[in-house]
Amino acid sequence: MIDFNEKVTIEKAEKFYALRSELEAIADKICEKGFDNILFTSAGGSLAVLEPYSYMMKSMSKIPVFTEIPAELMATGNAMVTDRTVAILTSKSGDTKETVAVAKWLKERNVTTVSLCGEANSPLAEVSTFSANYGEAHPHDLASIFIVGKIMFNKGEFPDYPQFADELKNIGNVLVSVAKAAEETGKKYAAMFEKEDKEYQIWIGSGMTWGGTYSMAMCVLEECQWLRTKSINSAEFFHGTIELVEKNVLVAIGMGEGLTRPLDERAVNFVQKHTNQLFVFDTKDYELPGISDKFRWMLSPIILWAIYERAYKNLADVRKHTLDIRRYYRRLEY
């Protein structure tokens, strides 16, 4: 398997689980202080990885939640943002300009901010009310669950949270199992690019899997691979994008196991009739050792990303285009 180390995956997962007590303590402090709503905001792919937890709260909780793109929030404001707002932000580098800027903007308005950073003592951490450094922990995209899950538990809206959080001790074994099982699918996807690139591809997702599917299309295929890609929510697919499906157009659909699955199935049923290049990445096809069935839908974004990872790492190898090449991002001023 290209760029995969089972031992390292387990070790990073253990570091992820070790964040639990620190993040739950932050959640407890937030609840003790009191709040009116929760804002999820970050730039680019970092906002995409927060999307599932905004969706999860909207599905399970009466706590008002909303997401904002930092640049737009600072340009227009939002009447829901008050000193009774809790904002959750994340940045792998800890110095993403727009994310640091919005954290400062929120601080000026006495908003309680919680940042998840991949670097210690970062600019984002310095301007946040609470901050946790996840370092090499993985899957760090799941770290928010220890905050929002504990908040909902404290509010009496997620009574199974302790069991769910306990089962996350198994996440390393889960990721190893999924990666191994997804390798052949990843190779088949990448093989489609061995002779020539696709002029255009469509990626579809929804609900808990939408953020990851959007991130796969934007952060990996567009930013890292320079491939022309369209991402669309399956709930919106039949309003415009449907007309671009043709025989040789590659369509990939990321399916989870939550309430929006029927929307994905509807898209699959249509697309398979109109193109010979349909790829379905389905979390339901994979075993999750140590995870109860009732929690599978909550982990679908992490499981789907583990599946996508095998696709894009094989793709980078087939195209001889490494994932760290950029023409503009962090190379030019804009």
Protein backbone atom coordinates (compact mmCIF):
# COMPACT_ATOMS: atom_id res chain seq x y z
CA MET A 1 0.00 0.00 0.00
CA ILE A 2 1.35 3.39 -1.03
CA ASP A 3 2.13 5.78 1.82
CA PHE A 4 0.47 3.70 4.53
CA ASN A 5 1.95 2.51 7.81
CA GLU A 6 -0.26 0.44 10.09
CA LYS A 7 1.86 1.04 13.20
CA VAL A 8 1.94 4.81 12.69
CA THR A 9 -1.82 4.87 12.06
CA ILE A 10 -2.44 3.17 15.41
CA GLU A 11 -0.01 5.46 17.23
CA LYS A 12 -1.60 8.60 15.80
CA ALA A 13 -5.05 7.31 16.71
CA GLU A 14 -3.91 6.83 20.30
CA LYS A 15 -2.75 10.45 20.34
CA PHE A 16 -6.16 11.45 19.04
CA TYR A 17 -7.98 9.62 21.82
CA ALA A 18 -5.64 11.17 24.38
CA LEU A 19 -7.22 14.55 23.52
CA ARG A 20 -10.57 13.43 24.93
CA SER A 21 -10.21 14.64 28.54
CA GLU A 22 -8.79 18.02 27.50
CA LEU A 23 -11.55 18.70 24.99
CA GLU A 24 -14.32 17.45 27.25
CA ALA A 25 -13.03 19.79 29.98
CA ILE A 26 -13.34 22.69 27.52
CA ALA A 27 -16.92 21.62 26.77
CA ASP A 28 -17.71 21.57 30.49
CA LYS A 29 -16.33 25.09 30.94
CA ILE A 30 -18.41 26.33 28.04
CA CYS A 31 -21.55 24.85 29.54
CA GLU A 32 -20.77 26.25 32.99
CA LYS A 33 -20.41 29.74 31.53
CA GLY A 34 -23.52 29.42 29.39
CA PHE A 35 -24.06 30.23 25.73
CA ASP A 36 -26.82 30.84 23.19
CA ASN A 37 -25.47 29.35 19.97
CA ILE A 38 -22.48 27.71 18.32
CA LEU A 39 -20.64 29.00 15.26
CA PHE A 40 -18.36 26.81 13.13
CA THR A 41 -15.92 28.88 11.08
CA SER A 42 -12.58 28.25 9.38
CA ALA A 43 -11.11 28.62 5.92
CA GLY A 44 -11.15 26.16 3.03
CA GLY A 45 -10.86 22.50 3.88
CA SER A 46 -10.80 23.28 7.58
CA LEU A 47 -14.37 24.54 7.36
CA ALA A 48 -15.29 21.44 5.37
CA VAL A 49 -14.12 19.15 8.19
CA LEU A 50 -16.30 21.08 10.67
CA GLU A 51 -19.41 20.75 8.50
CA PRO A 52 -20.33 17.22 9.70
CA TYR A 53 -20.50 18.36 13.32
CA SER A 54 -22.68 21.32 12.46
CA TYR A 55 -24.96 18.90 10.60
CA MET A 56 -24.82 16.42 13.48
CA MET A 57 -25.91 19.06 15.98
CA LYS A 58 -28.72 20.24 13.74
CA SER A 59 -29.91 16.64 13.59
CA MET A 60 -29.66 15.89 17.30
CA SER A 61 -29.80 19.13 19.27
CA LYS A 62 -31.99 22.15 19.87
CA ILE A 63 -28.87 24.30 20.27
CA PRO A 64 -28.76 26.81 17.38
CA VAL A 65 -25.71 26.18 15.20
CA PHE A 66 -24.45 27.87 12.05
CA THR A 67 -21.39 27.92 9.79
CA GLU A 68 -19.66 30.90 8.23
CA ILE A 69 -16.78 31.47 5.82
CA PRO A 70 -14.38 33.79 7.70
CA ALA A 71 -13.87 36.36 4.95
CA GLU A 72 -17.61 36.66 4.36
CA LEU A 73 -18.41 36.84 8.07
CA MET A 74 -15.96 39.71 8.58
CA ALA A 75 -17.28 41.50 5.49
CA THR A 76 -20.98 41.27 6.32
CA GLY A 77 -21.25 40.40 10.01
CA ASN A 78 -23.97 38.18 11.44
CA ALA A 79 -26.60 39.30 13.95
CA MET A 80 -26.45 35.87 15.59
CA VAL A 81 -22.86 36.49 16.67
CA THR A 82 -22.90 37.91 20.20
CA ASP A 83 -20.92 37.61 23.40
CA ARG A 84 -23.10 34.55 24.08
CA THR A 85 -21.76 32.75 20.98
CA VAL A 86 -19.24 29.91 21.09
CA ALA A 87 -17.10 29.67 17.95
CA ILE A 88 -15.20 26.51 16.98
CA LEU A 89 -12.25 26.93 14.61
CA THR A 90 -9.54 24.66 13.27
CA SER A 91 -6.30 25.04 11.34
CA LYS A 92 -3.59 22.47 10.74
CA SER A 93 -0.89 25.13 10.46
CA GLY A 94 -2.41 27.37 13.12
CA ASP A 95 -1.55 30.40 11.00
CA THR A 96 -4.14 30.35 8.20
CA LYS A 97 -4.63 34.08 7.54
CA GLU A 98 -8.41 34.15 7.25
CA THR A 99 -8.90 31.90 10.27
CA VAL A 100 -6.56 33.92 12.49
CA ALA A 101 -8.22 37.12 11.29
CA VAL A 102 -11.73 35.91 12.10
CA ALA A 103 -10.56 34.68 15.52
CA LYS A 104 -9.33 38.22 16.24
CA TRP A 105 -12.60 39.63 14.89
CA LEU A 106 -14.57 37.35 17.20
CA LYS A 107 -12.37 38.20 20.17
CA GLU A 108 -13.13 41.89 19.65
CA ARG A 109 -16.80 40.98 20.05
CA ASN A 110 -16.20 38.96 23.23
CA VAL A 111 -17.07 35.67 21.55
CA THR A 112 -15.79 32.54 23.27
CA THR A 113 -13.50 30.82 20.77
CA VAL A 114 -12.23 27.24 20.75
CA SER A 115 -9.41 26.45 18.34
CA LEU A 116 -8.02 23.06 17.29
CA CYS A 117 -4.50 23.47 15.91
CA GLY A 118 -1.87 21.20 14.49
CA GLU A 119 0.94 23.41 15.77
CA ALA A 120 1.64 24.43 19.36
CA ASN A 121 1.81 28.13 20.32
CA SER A 122 0.37 29.13 16.95
CA PRO A 123 -1.10 32.56 16.09
CA LEU A 124 -4.60 31.03 16.16
CA ALA A 125 -4.07 29.49 19.58
CA GLU A 126 -2.77 32.77 20.97
CA VAL A 127 -5.95 34.69 20.14
CA SER A 128 -8.40 31.94 21.19
CA THR A 129 -10.21 31.61 24.50
CA PHE A 130 -9.49 27.88 24.55
CA SER A 131 -7.09 25.98 22.35
CA ALA A 132 -5.96 22.38 21.92
CA ASN A 133 -2.91 21.25 19.98
CA TYR A 134 -3.48 17.96 18.22
CA GLY A 135 0.00 17.75 16.69
CA GLU A 136 0.36 14.43 14.86
CA ALA A 137 -2.88 13.01 16.25
CA HIS A 138 -5.13 11.43 13.66
CA PRO A 139 -7.96 11.55 12.75
CA HIS A 140 -7.75 15.14 14.00
CA ASP A 141 -10.81 15.97 11.87
CA LEU A 142 -12.83 14.03 14.46
CA ALA A 143 -11.54 16.05 17.43
CA SER A 144 -14.57 18.35 17.40
CA ILE A 145 -16.74 15.39 18.41
CA PHE A 146 -15.32 15.48 21.93
CA ILE A 147 -16.50 19.08 22.27
CA VAL A 148 -19.92 19.00 20.61
CA GLY A 149 -20.66 15.49 21.89
CA LYS A 150 -19.94 16.46 25.49
CA ILE A 151 -21.93 19.68 25.16
CA MET A 152 -24.96 17.74 23.90
CA PHE A 153 -24.49 15.18 26.66
CA ASN A 154 -24.42 17.96 29.27
CA LYS A 155 -27.65 19.32 27.77
CA GLY A 156 -29.32 15.89 27.97
CA GLU A 157 -29.42 15.51 24.17
CA PHE A 158 -26.83 12.76 23.64
CA PRO A 159 -27.14 10.28 26.52
CA ASP A 160 -25.10 7.66 24.62
CA TYR A 161 -22.12 9.98 24.30
CA PRO A 162 -19.98 8.27 27.00
CA GLN A 163 -20.39 4.92 25.24
CA PHE A 164 -19.67 6.50 21.87
CA ALA A 165 -16.57 8.27 23.16
CA ASP A 166 -15.35 5.09 24.87
CA GLU A 167 -15.66 3.18 21.60
CA LEU A 168 -13.41 5.72 19.89
CA LYS A 169 -10.53 3.97 21.63
CA ASN A 170 -10.87 1.56 18.70
CA ILE A 171 -10.55 4.19 15.96
CA GLY A 172 -7.00 3.19 15.06
CA ASN A 173 -7.99 -0.39 14.35
CA VAL A 174 -11.01 0.91 12.45
CA LEU A 175 -8.87 3.09 10.19
CA VAL A 176 -6.42 0.28 9.52
CA SER A 177 -9.25 -2.11 8.66
CA VAL A 178 -10.95 0.36 6.34
CA ALA A 179 -7.74 1.41 4.59
CA LYS A 180 -6.81 -2.17 3.79
CA ALA A 181 -10.29 -2.99 2.55
CA ALA A 182 -10.46 0.19 0.43
CA GLU A 183 -7.11 -0.23 -1.31
CA GLU A 184 -8.45 -2.05 -4.37
CA THR A 185 -11.22 0.50 -4.83
CA GLY A 186 -8.66 3.28 -4.59
CA LYS A 187 -6.48 1.60 -7.21
CA LYS A 188 -9.43 1.18 -9.58
CA TYR A 189 -10.26 4.87 -9.30
CA ALA A 190 -6.64 5.90 -9.90
CA ALA A 191 -6.33 3.51 -12.84
CA MET A 192 -8.83 5.60 -14.74
CA PHE A 193 -6.13 8.27 -15.01
CA GLU A 194 -3.26 6.05 -16.17
CA LYS A 195 -3.53 6.94 -19.86
CA GLU A 196 -4.92 10.47 -19.62
CA ASP A 197 -6.64 12.84 -17.25
CA LYS A 198 -10.39 13.27 -17.16
CA GLU A 199 -11.48 16.63 -18.52
CA TYR A 200 -14.10 16.92 -15.81
CA GLN A 201 -15.46 14.93 -12.88
CA ILE A 202 -18.40 15.29 -10.50
CA TRP A 203 -18.29 14.38 -6.78
CA ILE A 204 -21.55 13.96 -4.87
CA GLY A 205 -22.23 13.65 -1.12
CA SER A 206 -24.71 14.72 1.54
CA GLY A 207 -25.32 15.09 5.26
CA MET A 208 -22.38 13.86 7.33
CA THR A 209 -20.38 13.04 4.19
CA TRP A 210 -20.88 16.33 2.37
CA GLY A 211 -17.98 18.20 4.00
CA GLY A 212 -15.51 15.43 3.23
CA THR A 213 -16.72 15.04 -0.34
CA TYR A 214 -16.47 18.78 -0.91
CA SER A 215 -12.97 18.69 0.60
CA MET A 216 -11.93 15.76 -1.60
CA ALA A 217 -13.05 17.66 -4.69
CA MET A 218 -11.60 21.04 -3.70
CA CYS A 219 -8.57 20.38 -1.47
CA VAL A 220 -7.29 17.23 -3.16
CA LEU A 221 -8.44 17.07 -6.76
CA GLU A 222 -8.45 20.78 -7.50
CA GLU A 223 -5.77 22.17 -5.19
CA CYS A 224 -3.34 19.25 -5.05
CA GLN A 225 -3.98 17.57 -8.42
CA TRP A 226 -5.17 20.49 -10.59
CA LEU A 227 -8.08 18.46 -11.96
CA ARG A 228 -11.30 20.15 -13.03
CA THR A 229 -13.83 18.96 -10.49
CA LYS A 230 -17.37 19.83 -9.47
CA SER A 231 -18.70 19.01 -6.00
CA ILE A 232 -22.44 18.97 -5.40
CA ASN A 233 -24.72 17.94 -2.57
CA SER A 234 -27.00 15.08 -3.61
CA ALA A 235 -29.95 17.17 -2.41
CA GLU A 236 -29.04 19.74 -5.11
CA PHE A 237 -27.70 17.41 -7.79
CA PHE A 238 -30.95 17.36 -9.74
CA HIS A 239 -30.94 21.15 -10.06
CA GLY A 240 -28.35 21.91 -12.72
CA THR A 241 -25.44 19.50 -12.38
CA ILE A 242 -27.60 16.63 -13.59
CA GLU A 243 -27.37 18.07 -17.13
CA LEU A 244 -23.59 17.56 -17.25
CA VAL A 245 -23.76 13.80 -16.79
CA GLU A 246 -22.78 12.07 -20.03
CA LYS A 247 -21.44 8.69 -21.09
CA ASN A 248 -17.76 9.40 -20.40
CA VAL A 249 -18.12 11.81 -17.47
CA LEU A 250 -16.67 10.44 -14.25
CA VAL A 251 -19.11 10.71 -11.34
CA ALA A 252 -18.07 9.72 -7.81
CA ILE A 253 -20.59 9.43 -5.00
CA GLY A 254 -19.59 9.28 -1.33
CA MET A 255 -22.30 7.53 0.67
CA GLY A 256 -22.73 7.51 4.43
CA GLU A 257 -25.31 5.80 6.61
CA GLY A 258 -27.34 8.68 7.98
CA LEU A 259 -30.73 10.16 7.19
CA THR A 260 -29.63 11.58 3.84
CA ARG A 261 -28.59 8.22 2.39
CA PRO A 262 -31.80 7.98 0.29
CA LEU A 263 -30.75 11.21 -1.44
CA ASP A 264 -27.44 9.60 -2.40
CA GLU A 265 -29.20 6.45 -3.56
CA ARG A 266 -31.46 8.54 -5.78
CA ALA A 267 -28.37 10.08 -7.40
CA VAL A 268 -26.76 6.65 -7.88
CA ASN A 269 -29.91 5.29 -9.50
CA PHE A 270 -29.93 8.10 -12.02
CA VAL A 271 -26.22 8.38 -12.76
CA GLN A 272 -25.66 4.67 -13.41
CA LYS A 273 -28.09 4.90 -16.33
CA HIS A 274 -26.27 7.78 -18.02
CA THR A 275 -22.52 7.26 -17.60
CA ASN A 276 -20.19 4.31 -17.78
CA GLN A 277 -17.86 5.91 -15.26
CA LEU A 278 -19.69 5.83 -11.93
CA PHE A 279 -17.66 5.29 -8.75
CA VAL A 280 -19.48 4.68 -5.48
CA PHE A 281 -17.54 5.00 -2.21
CA ASP A 282 -19.85 3.60 0.47
CA THR A 283 -19.06 3.46 4.20
CA LYS A 284 -21.67 0.70 4.56
CA ASP A 285 -19.34 -1.70 2.76
CA TYR A 286 -16.76 -1.62 5.55
CA GLU A 287 -16.48 -3.27 8.93
CA LEU A 288 -15.83 -0.97 11.89
CA PRO A 289 -14.33 -3.19 14.61
CA GLY A 290 -15.35 -2.14 18.09
CA ILE A 291 -17.96 0.39 16.92
CA SER A 292 -21.68 -0.14 17.62
CA ASP A 293 -23.99 -0.01 14.63
CA LYS A 294 -25.95 2.88 16.14
CA PHE A 295 -22.83 5.08 15.94
CA ARG A 296 -21.74 4.24 12.41
CA TRP A 297 -23.46 7.24 10.84
CA MET A 298 -21.61 9.59 13.19
CA LEU A 299 -18.27 8.23 12.01
CA SER A 300 -19.15 8.23 8.32
CA PRO A 301 -17.10 11.36 7.47
CA ILE A 302 -13.97 9.85 8.99
CA ILE A 303 -14.56 6.45 7.41
CA LEU A 304 -15.28 7.98 4.03
CA TRP A 305 -12.10 10.05 4.22
CA ALA A 306 -10.09 6.91 4.96
CA ILE A 307 -11.59 5.43 1.79
CA TYR A 308 -10.94 8.60 -0.22
CA GLU A 309 -7.36 8.61 1.06
CA ARG A 310 -6.62 5.33 -0.67
CA ALA A 311 -8.05 6.80 -3.87
CA TYR A 312 -6.07 10.03 -3.86
CA LYS A 313 -2.77 8.50 -2.76
CA ASN A 314 -2.97 5.99 -5.57
CA LEU A 315 -4.04 8.78 -7.91
CA ALA A 316 -1.00 10.90 -7.01
CA ASP A 317 1.22 7.91 -7.70
CA VAL A 318 -0.38 7.11 -11.05
CA ARG A 319 -0.19 10.74 -12.21
CA LYS A 320 3.30 11.28 -10.78
CA HIS A 321 1.93 14.47 -9.27
CA THR A 322 2.71 14.64 -5.56
CA LEU A 323 0.23 16.16 -3.14
CA ASP A 324 2.52 18.96 -1.97
CA ILE A 325 2.85 20.87 -5.26
CA ARG A 326 1.18 24.29 -5.45
CA ARG A 327 1.23 27.05 -8.06
CA TYR A 328 -0.47 29.81 -6.08
CA TYR A 329 -1.55 28.82 -2.56
CA ARG A 330 0.91 30.18 0.01
CA ARG A 331 3.22 31.02 -2.89
CA LEU A 332 1.77 34.31 -4.12
CA GLU A 333 0.12 37.28 -2.44
CA TYR A 334 -3.59 37.63 -3.21
